[in-house]
Amino acid sequence: MGRWAYAFFLVELFVVPFSHAFDNHPLQTTICEVVANPSRFDGMEISVRGYVFAGVEVTNISDAACHGGFQLTVSEAYYQHKDIQSFERGIRTHGMHAVATVVGRFYKKANVYPFPMPAMDMHSIRQVVYLAKP
């Protein structure tokens, strides 16, 4: 094998797969698509936009177009992110209702309160529009 062919082989073997490991663009989808086929999205990093309601014990995201939704959680690894901290302060100040784009890992059967159900571990939240208190 020639010197250049060997170098090309090494690049293909090590650099190309390594570069894809950092390609974490979330799949943009809708809440309705996720609710209709949760198995398809299980374990995937997704981005959805919907109505967020922060209750006393749980926070949910939903879409009126399909009357469906799922729970939102935040792991310790992401809790300190500025966008999530800002959202938490804002939602409590402005009445617990918002429309937002949420990025995170979806699980079709997460171990969440009050029983295992579909949930998304939030990694970021953006384009937040707080809604007036009802």
Protein backbone atom coordinates (compact mmCIF):
# COMPACT_ATOMS: atom_id res chain seq x y z
CA MET A 1 0.00 0.00 0.00
CA GLY A 2 1.40 3.39 -0.98
CA ARG A 3 2.12 6.13 1.53
CA TRP A 4 -0.89 8.26 0.43
CA ALA A 5 -3.25 5.33 0.28
CA TYR A 6 -2.23 4.35 3.81
CA ALA A 7 -2.75 7.93 5.06
CA PHE A 8 -6.16 8.08 3.40
CA PHE A 9 -7.09 4.75 5.00
CA LEU A 10 -6.13 6.04 8.46
CA VAL A 11 -8.18 9.21 7.98
CA GLU A 12 -11.22 7.18 6.91
CA LEU A 13 -10.77 4.74 9.76
CA PHE A 14 -10.32 7.19 12.63
CA VAL A 15 -11.21 10.78 11.74
CA VAL A 16 -14.47 10.37 9.82
CA PRO A 17 -16.31 8.22 12.43
CA PHE A 18 -14.98 10.44 15.23
CA SER A 19 -16.30 13.58 13.54
CA HIS A 20 -19.81 12.08 13.34
CA ALA A 21 -19.80 11.53 17.10
CA PHE A 22 -20.07 15.32 17.54
CA ASP A 23 -22.82 15.73 14.96
CA ASN A 24 -25.71 15.99 17.43
CA HIS A 25 -28.26 17.91 15.47
CA PRO A 26 -31.62 17.03 16.98
CA LEU A 27 -34.33 15.68 14.71
CA GLN A 28 -36.92 18.40 14.21
CA THR A 29 -40.38 16.92 14.53
CA THR A 30 -43.78 17.67 15.99
CA ILE A 31 -45.37 16.63 19.23
CA CYS A 32 -48.17 14.98 17.23
CA GLU A 33 -45.67 12.80 15.34
CA VAL A 34 -43.95 11.77 18.58
CA VAL A 35 -47.24 10.96 20.34
CA ALA A 36 -48.49 8.97 17.33
CA ASN A 37 -45.35 6.81 17.18
CA PRO A 38 -43.31 7.04 20.39
CA SER A 39 -41.26 3.91 19.58
CA ARG A 40 -39.82 5.62 16.50
CA PHE A 41 -38.37 8.43 18.62
CA ASP A 42 -37.35 6.42 21.71
CA GLY A 43 -33.85 7.45 22.84
CA MET A 44 -33.49 10.09 20.11
CA GLU A 45 -32.45 13.71 20.48
CA ILE A 46 -35.43 15.68 19.12
CA SER A 47 -36.64 19.26 18.84
CA VAL A 48 -40.35 20.08 19.24
CA ARG A 49 -42.40 23.24 19.65
CA GLY A 50 -45.50 23.30 21.79
CA TYR A 51 -47.51 24.56 24.72
CA VAL A 52 -45.65 24.16 28.02
CA PHE A 53 -47.49 23.98 31.30
CA ALA A 54 -45.46 23.91 34.52
CA GLY A 55 -47.56 22.36 37.26
CA VAL A 56 -46.81 21.94 40.93
CA GLU A 57 -45.15 18.54 40.48
CA VAL A 58 -44.72 18.03 36.72
CA THR A 59 -44.12 20.04 33.56
CA ASN A 60 -45.72 18.97 30.28
CA ILE A 61 -45.49 19.96 26.63
CA SER A 62 -48.48 19.46 24.37
CA ASP A 63 -50.02 20.31 21.01
CA ALA A 64 -53.72 21.13 20.66
CA ALA A 65 -53.67 19.87 17.05
CA CYS A 66 -53.52 16.27 18.27
CA HIS A 67 -54.57 16.61 21.91
CA GLY A 68 -51.35 14.91 22.92
CA GLY A 69 -48.16 15.57 24.78
CA PHE A 70 -45.61 14.25 27.21
CA GLN A 71 -43.77 15.17 30.36
CA LEU A 72 -40.62 17.31 30.45
CA THR A 73 -37.78 16.55 32.85
CA VAL A 74 -34.34 18.08 33.40
CA SER A 75 -31.38 15.99 34.50
CA GLU A 76 -28.69 17.47 36.74
CA ALA A 77 -26.31 17.61 33.76
CA TYR A 78 -28.52 20.23 32.05
CA TYR A 79 -30.21 21.91 35.01
CA GLN A 80 -27.50 24.57 35.35
CA HIS A 81 -27.72 25.71 31.70
CA LYS A 82 -28.63 29.39 31.48
CA ASP A 83 -31.57 28.89 29.11
CA ILE A 84 -33.18 26.31 31.41
CA GLN A 85 -32.56 28.42 34.54
CA SER A 86 -34.02 31.47 32.79
CA PHE A 87 -37.05 29.49 31.65
CA GLU A 88 -37.67 28.17 35.15
CA ARG A 89 -37.63 31.71 36.60
CA GLY A 90 -39.73 33.10 33.76
CA ILE A 91 -42.43 30.43 33.79
CA ARG A 92 -42.95 30.84 37.54
CA THR A 93 -43.08 34.64 37.23
CA HIS A 94 -45.43 34.77 34.24
CA GLY A 95 -48.10 32.27 35.19
CA MET A 96 -46.84 28.76 34.42
CA HIS A 97 -47.84 28.81 30.72
CA ALA A 98 -45.64 29.30 27.65
CA VAL A 99 -45.05 28.27 24.08
CA ALA A 100 -41.49 27.14 23.44
CA THR A 101 -39.12 25.05 21.35
CA VAL A 102 -37.60 22.28 23.45
CA VAL A 103 -34.61 20.12 22.57
CA GLY A 104 -33.90 16.93 24.44
CA ARG A 105 -33.80 13.16 24.52
CA PHE A 106 -37.20 11.48 24.24
CA TYR A 107 -38.08 8.24 26.03
CA LYS A 108 -41.30 6.39 25.28
CA LYS A 109 -41.44 4.99 28.84
CA ALA A 110 -39.49 7.13 31.28
CA ASN A 111 -39.47 6.52 35.00
CA VAL A 112 -41.19 9.78 35.96
CA TYR A 113 -43.79 10.91 38.49
CA PRO A 114 -46.51 9.65 38.96
CA PHE A 115 -45.80 6.50 36.88
CA PRO A 116 -43.71 5.49 33.84
CA MET A 117 -44.86 7.44 30.80
CA PRO A 118 -43.45 9.23 27.73
CA ALA A 119 -41.07 12.03 28.68
CA MET A 120 -38.31 14.21 27.28
CA ASP A 121 -35.15 15.07 29.19
CA MET A 122 -34.69 18.74 28.24
CA HIS A 123 -31.26 19.80 27.06
CA SER A 124 -32.23 23.29 25.95
CA ILE A 125 -35.24 25.54 25.57
CA ARG A 126 -35.55 28.54 23.26
CA GLN A 127 -38.00 30.83 21.49
CA VAL A 128 -40.03 31.04 24.70
CA VAL A 129 -43.20 33.13 24.66
CA TYR A 130 -44.79 33.40 28.09
CA LEU A 131 -48.57 33.47 28.10
CA ALA A 132 -50.73 35.64 30.33
CA LYS A 133 -52.08 34.13 33.49
CA PRO A 134 -55.44 32.46 32.76
